[in-house]
Amino acid sequence: AARRDRKQNRNKFKRWIIGIAVALVASLLILSLILPMFGSIGSSNDDTPDGPGIKVESQGNTHINEGADHPPYNSMPATSGWHYAQPLAPVKWGVHNEFIPEEKRLHNLEHGGISITYDPNRATEELIKSLEEILTNAGAEKFFEILLSPYPDTQNTINLTSWTFIDSFDNFDKKRINDF
């Protein structure tokens, strides 16, 4: 009877230890899921990284219906703001020979893409081919999603845009474009 009592006490002790270990592991798992949220309390909701180009204040990412009126964009080309949802946007990645309206192009930027535009009134055939070559080379790397299209009447010949960033200049600069 004494041996049976000792065995039952050892088994009871093992169950308690196992229960405490399971509770401790579960608590640590729950804490690891909750604690990262406390780091973002009181901080900015804008997780946009710093990078090449000029940061432009975000105008949000509101989806609108085709033809709907909206306030003007705060940059040209736009880097954020009102745009169409699917099926009107996003636009197919790659080279386009026609102007892409802001409301379509912005949806691509919202999803991490980059837009390279050129003023067709000032861009030479050589410049356009050089820009297309950058897209061809970037296409080998699956993580790049880039649009190339004309954008008439811009202040500069070449404009690079991503979500809330813009870089504009007049002369082809491959390093500057790749850095962006």
Foldseek 3Di string as FASTA:
>chain_A
DVVVVVVVVVVVVVVVVVVVVVVVVVVVVVCVVPVVVVVCVPHDPDPDDDFPFDFADAQAAAADDPPDDDDDAPDVVHQHHYAHDPPLDADAFAEDAADDDSRRPNVCLVVPAKEKEFAPVQDDPVNVVVVNVLVVVCVVPVVYGYYYYYDHDDPEGIWMYHRRGIDGHHDDDPVSVVRD
